[in-house]
C-alpha atoms as a PDB file:
ATOM      1  CA  UNK A   1       9.748  -0.936   7.035  1.00  0.00           C
ATOM      2  CA  UNK A   2      10.425   0.266   3.528  1.00  0.00           C
ATOM      3  CA  UNK A   3      12.831   3.188   3.357  1.00  0.00           C
ATOM      4  CA  UNK A   4      12.669   3.734  -0.389  1.00  0.00           C
ATOM      5  CA  UNK A   5      10.913   2.326  -3.445  1.00  0.00           C
ATOM      6  CA  UNK A   6      13.650   1.954  -6.054  1.00  0.00           C
ATOM      7  CA  UNK A   7      11.742   0.718  -9.095  1.00  0.00           C
ATOM      8  CA  UNK A   8       8.860  -1.434 -10.270  1.00  0.00           C
ATOM      9  CA  UNK A   9       9.915  -5.026 -10.950  1.00  0.00           C
ATOM     10  CA  UNK A  10       6.791  -6.511 -12.498  1.00  0.00           C
ATOM     11  CA  UNK A  11       3.031  -6.293 -12.538  1.00  0.00           C
ATOM     12  CA  UNK A  12       0.547  -9.102 -12.874  1.00  0.00           C
ATOM     13  CA  UNK A  13      -3.145  -9.920 -12.577  1.00  0.00           C
ATOM     14  CA  UNK A  14      -3.311  -9.699  -8.797  1.00  0.00           C
ATOM     15  CA  UNK A  15      -0.408  -7.516  -7.674  1.00  0.00           C
ATOM     16  CA  UNK A  16       2.544  -5.334  -8.549  1.00  0.00           C
ATOM     17  CA  UNK A  17       6.048  -6.082  -7.249  1.00  0.00           C
ATOM     18  CA  UNK A  18       8.575  -3.351  -6.484  1.00  0.00           C
ATOM     19  CA  UNK A  19      12.279  -3.402  -5.612  1.00  0.00           C
ATOM     20  CA  UNK A  20      12.602  -1.574  -2.294  1.00  0.00           C
ATOM     21  CA  UNK A  21      15.336  -0.654   0.141  1.00  0.00           C
ATOM     22  CA  UNK A  22      14.930  -1.587   3.803  1.00  0.00           C
ATOM     23  CA  UNK A  23      17.920  -0.240   5.693  1.00  0.00           C
ATOM     24  CA  UNK A  24      20.923  -1.670   3.843  1.00  0.00           C
ATOM     25  CA  UNK A  25      19.011  -4.574   2.265  1.00  0.00           C
ATOM     26  CA  UNK A  26      17.290  -4.779  -1.102  1.00  0.00           C
ATOM     27  CA  UNK A  27      13.944  -6.578  -0.974  1.00  0.00           C
ATOM     28  CA  UNK A  28      10.800  -6.958  -3.028  1.00  0.00           C
ATOM     29  CA  UNK A  29       7.445  -5.610  -1.929  1.00  0.00           C
ATOM     30  CA  UNK A  30       4.249  -7.124  -3.303  1.00  0.00           C
ATOM     31  CA  UNK A  31       1.337  -4.699  -3.444  1.00  0.00           C
ATOM     32  CA  UNK A  32      -2.030  -6.325  -4.110  1.00  0.00           C
ATOM     33  CA  UNK A  33      -4.401  -4.656  -6.544  1.00  0.00           C
ATOM     34  CA  UNK A  34      -7.929  -3.916  -5.391  1.00  0.00           C
ATOM     35  CA  UNK A  35     -10.336  -6.752  -6.157  1.00  0.00           C
ATOM     36  CA  UNK A  36     -12.392  -4.655  -8.567  1.00  0.00           C
ATOM     37  CA  UNK A  37      -9.240  -3.737 -10.541  1.00  0.00           C
ATOM     38  CA  UNK A  38      -8.015  -7.293 -11.058  1.00  0.00           C
ATOM     39  CA  UNK A  39      -8.601  -9.469 -14.096  1.00  0.00           C
ATOM     40  CA  UNK A  40      -8.404 -12.789 -12.309  1.00  0.00           C
ATOM     41  CA  UNK A  41     -11.249 -14.921 -13.628  1.00  0.00           C
ATOM     42  CA  UNK A  42     -10.486 -18.219 -11.865  1.00  0.00           C
ATOM     43  CA  UNK A  43     -10.445 -16.815  -8.329  1.00  0.00           C
ATOM     44  CA  UNK A  44     -13.258 -19.122  -7.232  1.00  0.00           C
ATOM     45  CA  UNK A  45     -11.262 -22.183  -8.334  1.00  0.00           C
ATOM     46  CA  UNK A  46      -8.287 -21.107  -6.218  1.00  0.00           C
ATOM     47  CA  UNK A  47     -10.503 -20.497  -3.192  1.00  0.00           C
ATOM     48  CA  UNK A  48     -12.309 -23.827  -3.444  1.00  0.00           C
ATOM     49  CA  UNK A  49     -11.864 -25.964  -0.346  1.00  0.00           C
ATOM     50  CA  UNK A  50     -10.742 -23.143   1.958  1.00  0.00           C
ATOM     51  CA  UNK A  51     -12.444 -23.190   5.304  1.00  0.00           C
ATOM     52  CA  UNK A  52     -13.447 -20.205   7.408  1.00  0.00           C
ATOM     53  CA  UNK A  53     -13.858 -20.907  11.119  1.00  0.00           C
ATOM     54  CA  UNK A  54     -16.050 -17.942  11.922  1.00  0.00           C
ATOM     55  CA  UNK A  55     -19.616 -18.562  10.696  1.00  0.00           C
ATOM     56  CA  UNK A  56     -20.345 -14.810  10.458  1.00  0.00           C
ATOM     57  CA  UNK A  57     -17.388 -14.383   8.127  1.00  0.00           C
ATOM     58  CA  UNK A  58     -18.373 -17.433   6.067  1.00  0.00           C
ATOM     59  CA  UNK A  59     -21.937 -16.133   5.595  1.00  0.00           C
ATOM     60  CA  UNK A  60     -20.715 -12.654   4.647  1.00  0.00           C
ATOM     61  CA  UNK A  61     -18.207 -14.093   2.174  1.00  0.00           C
ATOM     62  CA  UNK A  62     -20.870 -16.292   0.562  1.00  0.00           C
ATOM     63  CA  UNK A  63     -23.306 -13.381   0.401  1.00  0.00           C
ATOM     64  CA  UNK A  64     -20.719 -11.047  -1.137  1.00  0.00           C
ATOM     65  CA  UNK A  65     -21.377  -8.142   1.214  1.00  0.00           C
ATOM     66  CA  UNK A  66     -18.844  -5.347   1.644  1.00  0.00           C
ATOM     67  CA  UNK A  67     -17.569  -7.035   4.829  1.00  0.00           C
ATOM     68  CA  UNK A  68     -17.567 -10.400   3.046  1.00  0.00           C
ATOM     69  CA  UNK A  69     -15.500  -9.072   0.149  1.00  0.00           C
ATOM     70  CA  UNK A  70     -12.947  -7.661   2.591  1.00  0.00           C
ATOM     71  CA  UNK A  71     -12.783 -10.993   4.420  1.00  0.00           C
ATOM     72  CA  UNK A  72     -12.356 -12.831   1.114  1.00  0.00           C
ATOM     73  CA  UNK A  73      -9.408 -10.569   0.246  1.00  0.00           C
ATOM     74  CA  UNK A  74      -7.828 -11.082   3.664  1.00  0.00           C
ATOM     75  CA  UNK A  75      -8.255 -14.855   3.399  1.00  0.00           C
ATOM     76  CA  UNK A  76      -6.673 -14.826  -0.084  1.00  0.00           C
ATOM     77  CA  UNK A  77      -3.589 -12.930   1.077  1.00  0.00           C
ATOM     78  CA  UNK A  78      -3.234 -14.954   4.297  1.00  0.00           C
ATOM     79  CA  UNK A  79      -3.401 -18.204   2.309  1.00  0.00           C
ATOM     80  CA  UNK A  80      -0.621 -17.010  -0.001  1.00  0.00           C
ATOM     81  CA  UNK A  81       1.696 -16.105   2.881  1.00  0.00           C
ATOM     82  CA  UNK A  82       0.882 -19.361   4.716  1.00  0.00           C
ATOM     83  CA  UNK A  83       1.725 -21.318   1.548  1.00  0.00           C
ATOM     84  CA  UNK A  84       5.124 -19.600   1.339  1.00  0.00           C
ATOM     85  CA  UNK A  85       5.924 -20.586   4.938  1.00  0.00           C
ATOM     86  CA  UNK A  86       4.775 -24.197   4.343  1.00  0.00           C
ATOM     87  CA  UNK A  87       6.857 -24.502   1.185  1.00  0.00           C
ATOM     88  CA  UNK A  88       9.926 -22.996   2.872  1.00  0.00           C
ATOM     89  CA  UNK A  89       9.470 -25.438   5.757  1.00  0.00           C
ATOM     90  CA  UNK A  90       9.468 -28.297   3.250  1.00  0.00           C
ATOM     91  CA  UNK A  91      12.787 -27.104   1.811  1.00  0.00           C
ATOM     92  CA  UNK A  92      11.462 -25.422  -1.344  1.00  0.00           C
ATOM     93  CA  UNK A  93      13.234 -22.205  -2.383  1.00  0.00           C
ATOM     94  CA  UNK A  94      10.569 -19.511  -2.177  1.00  0.00           C
ATOM     95  CA  UNK A  95      10.595 -15.788  -1.340  1.00  0.00           C
ATOM     96  CA  UNK A  96      10.865 -15.151   2.393  1.00  0.00           C
ATOM     97  CA  UNK A  97       8.000 -13.050   3.771  1.00  0.00           C
ATOM     98  CA  UNK A  98       9.427 -10.347   6.063  1.00  0.00           C
ATOM     99  CA  UNK A  99       6.225  -8.622   7.045  1.00  0.00           C
ATOM    100  CA  UNK A 100       2.606  -8.862   6.113  1.00  0.00           C
ATOM    101  CA  UNK A 101       0.366  -5.824   6.456  1.00  0.00           C
END
């Protein structure tokens, strides 16, 4: 858990990153912006080819319902964390995810 937010580090199209203190360690916390507050025009290109196992979720995501938008956001964030673990497993130096809420 985060004990203290020390300062903002940077802000981008999809998230803001903060320097935080967790116990005696300094870490970075990435806080995603809400989908309607992002200026990320190529989102569909990044999501191309992703598969959703649950057909109800896939239909809702394609339809763009409130539930579908939430599922799209969750899938986006899960894919980013999964990519970090895959890259780290391949020996690439990437940030280590500590927790994902």
